[in-house]
Amino acid sequence: MFDDSFDGAKVAILRGNDVLVIRRDDKPNIPWPDCWDFPGGGREYGETPFETAQRETLEEVGLTLAEHRVFYHSQQPGPSGDTVHFFAVLWGDLTEADVTFGGEGQEWRFMPVQAFLDSPDAIPSLQVRFRMALTTLY
């Protein structure tokens, strides 16, 4: 069972050996400036965790998440102490043409999974959560 009160959600979108990432804006007043991030963000009133993940993914990269693609879902304390949900989805037939960058952040790309896990420019808490999700696949 998941906590009904939460701050937001993040989504790792796995396509084969790649994961979809967004480079955050390089602004000193935001958390983790210029770092690799996953789609996601804050909850809007009344949303479930998945609805938050779905809306944020649509806004940020133009993709509509389907629940049947979810292979991992967890919750952890976020930066403010409130709960943040983390989803990982398998989307093997996703192409670059399917993605429409919404302009939040500097760029998006498909990054090799291991490169994200090893990157000094990736958000460390997301590396940990993504690594945990991957253990459920193998």
Protein backbone atom coordinates (compact mmCIF):
# COMPACT_ATOMS: atom_id res chain seq x y z
CA MET A 1 0.00 0.00 0.00
CA PHE A 2 1.26 3.46 -0.85
CA ASP A 3 0.92 6.68 1.11
CA ASP A 4 -1.89 8.88 -0.23
CA SER A 5 -0.05 12.11 0.63
CA PHE A 6 2.95 12.66 -1.60
CA ASP A 7 4.91 15.41 -3.33
CA GLY A 8 5.52 14.00 -6.78
CA ALA A 9 6.70 11.21 -9.04
CA LYS A 10 9.59 10.33 -11.36
CA VAL A 11 9.62 7.85 -14.25
CA ALA A 12 12.51 5.88 -15.72
CA ILE A 13 11.55 4.91 -19.28
CA LEU A 14 13.61 1.92 -20.36
CA ARG A 15 14.02 1.10 -24.04
CA GLY A 16 16.24 -1.93 -24.41
CA ASN A 17 19.64 -0.97 -22.99
CA ASP A 18 18.82 2.76 -22.99
CA VAL A 19 16.92 5.01 -20.62
CA LEU A 20 15.25 8.32 -21.50
CA VAL A 21 16.84 11.22 -19.60
CA ILE A 22 16.47 14.99 -19.47
CA ARG A 23 19.29 17.40 -18.67
CA ARG A 24 17.94 19.85 -16.11
CA ASP A 25 18.25 23.58 -16.65
CA ASP A 26 21.53 25.09 -15.50
CA LYS A 27 19.99 27.53 -13.03
CA PRO A 28 21.49 27.95 -9.56
CA ASN A 29 18.08 28.35 -7.91
CA ILE A 30 16.80 24.84 -8.77
CA PRO A 31 17.74 21.50 -7.24
CA TRP A 32 20.34 19.55 -9.21
CA PRO A 33 21.06 22.13 -11.93
CA ASP A 34 22.60 20.80 -15.16
CA CYS A 35 22.16 17.16 -14.04
CA TRP A 36 20.60 14.19 -15.80
CA ASP A 37 17.07 13.55 -14.56
CA PHE A 38 14.04 11.43 -15.41
CA PRO A 39 10.67 12.84 -16.46
CA GLY A 40 8.51 13.72 -13.50
CA GLY A 41 7.63 16.42 -11.05
CA GLY A 42 5.16 17.70 -8.51
CA ARG A 43 1.70 16.41 -7.80
CA GLU A 44 -1.36 18.42 -8.74
CA TYR A 45 -4.39 18.32 -6.45
CA GLY A 46 -6.22 15.01 -6.40
CA GLU A 47 -3.80 13.08 -8.60
CA THR A 48 -2.70 9.56 -7.83
CA PRO A 49 1.03 8.82 -8.03
CA PHE A 50 0.63 7.26 -11.48
CA GLU A 51 -1.49 10.16 -12.73
CA THR A 52 1.26 12.55 -11.62
CA ALA A 53 3.88 10.49 -13.46
CA GLN A 54 1.64 10.27 -16.52
CA ARG A 55 0.93 14.02 -16.68
CA GLU A 56 4.54 15.03 -16.11
CA THR A 57 5.80 12.61 -18.76
CA LEU A 58 3.30 13.96 -21.28
CA GLU A 59 4.28 17.56 -20.48
CA GLU A 60 8.03 16.97 -20.55
CA VAL A 61 8.53 14.49 -23.40
CA GLY A 62 5.14 14.14 -25.09
CA LEU A 63 4.61 10.49 -24.17
CA THR A 64 1.45 8.96 -22.72
CA LEU A 65 2.36 6.32 -20.14
CA ALA A 66 0.28 3.17 -19.95
CA GLU A 67 0.08 1.33 -16.63
CA HIS A 68 0.73 -2.04 -18.25
CA ARG A 69 4.30 -0.89 -19.02
CA VAL A 70 5.16 -0.36 -15.33
CA PHE A 71 7.51 -3.02 -13.97
CA TYR A 72 8.57 -1.23 -10.80
CA HIS A 73 6.95 1.21 -8.37
CA SER A 74 8.35 2.41 -5.07
CA GLN A 75 8.10 5.35 -2.72
CA GLN A 76 10.83 7.14 -0.81
CA PRO A 77 11.23 10.34 1.18
CA GLY A 78 11.86 13.26 -1.16
CA PRO A 79 14.06 16.33 -0.64
CA SER A 80 11.38 18.08 1.44
CA GLY A 81 10.74 14.97 3.54
CA ASP A 82 7.44 14.19 1.83
CA THR A 83 6.99 11.02 -0.20
CA VAL A 84 8.10 10.82 -3.83
CA HIS A 85 7.02 7.91 -6.03
CA PHE A 86 9.34 6.28 -8.53
CA PHE A 87 8.12 4.28 -11.51
CA ALA A 88 10.12 2.31 -14.06
CA VAL A 89 8.52 1.29 -17.34
CA LEU A 90 9.53 -0.93 -20.25
CA TRP A 91 8.89 0.65 -23.64
CA GLY A 92 10.85 -1.42 -26.13
CA ASP A 93 9.37 -0.01 -29.33
CA LEU A 94 9.82 3.66 -28.37
CA THR A 95 11.64 5.73 -31.00
CA GLU A 96 13.17 9.19 -31.09
CA ALA A 97 10.30 10.27 -33.34
CA ASP A 98 7.80 9.42 -30.58
CA VAL A 99 9.36 11.96 -28.21
CA THR A 100 8.31 15.62 -28.27
CA PHE A 101 10.51 17.67 -25.96
CA GLY A 102 8.38 19.99 -23.86
CA GLY A 103 11.10 22.52 -23.15
CA GLU A 104 11.65 21.77 -19.46
CA GLY A 105 15.38 21.31 -19.22
CA GLN A 106 18.11 21.75 -21.80
CA GLU A 107 17.77 18.54 -23.80
CA TRP A 108 16.60 14.96 -23.74
CA ARG A 109 18.24 11.79 -25.01
CA PHE A 110 18.31 8.03 -24.81
CA MET A 111 21.34 7.23 -22.67
CA PRO A 112 22.83 3.76 -22.20
CA VAL A 113 21.68 2.41 -18.84
CA GLN A 114 25.20 1.88 -17.55
CA ALA A 115 26.26 5.38 -18.61
CA PHE A 116 23.41 6.83 -16.53
CA LEU A 117 24.25 4.66 -13.54
CA ASP A 118 27.92 5.69 -13.75
CA SER A 119 27.44 9.36 -14.61
CA PRO A 120 28.73 11.95 -12.13
CA ASP A 121 26.14 14.29 -13.69
CA ALA A 122 23.10 12.13 -12.87
CA ILE A 123 21.00 12.79 -9.77
CA PRO A 124 22.38 10.30 -7.21
CA SER A 125 19.05 9.38 -5.62
CA LEU A 126 17.64 8.51 -9.05
CA GLN A 127 20.66 6.35 -9.81
CA VAL A 128 19.96 4.40 -6.61
CA ARG A 129 16.24 4.03 -7.35
CA PHE A 130 16.84 3.04 -10.95
CA ARG A 131 19.44 0.46 -9.91
CA MET A 132 16.87 -1.02 -7.48
CA ALA A 133 14.29 -1.18 -10.28
CA LEU A 134 16.72 -2.96 -12.58
CA THR A 135 17.32 -5.70 -10.00
CA THR A 136 13.69 -6.76 -10.46
CA LEU A 137 14.33 -7.47 -14.16
CA TYR A 138 17.40 -9.67 -13.84
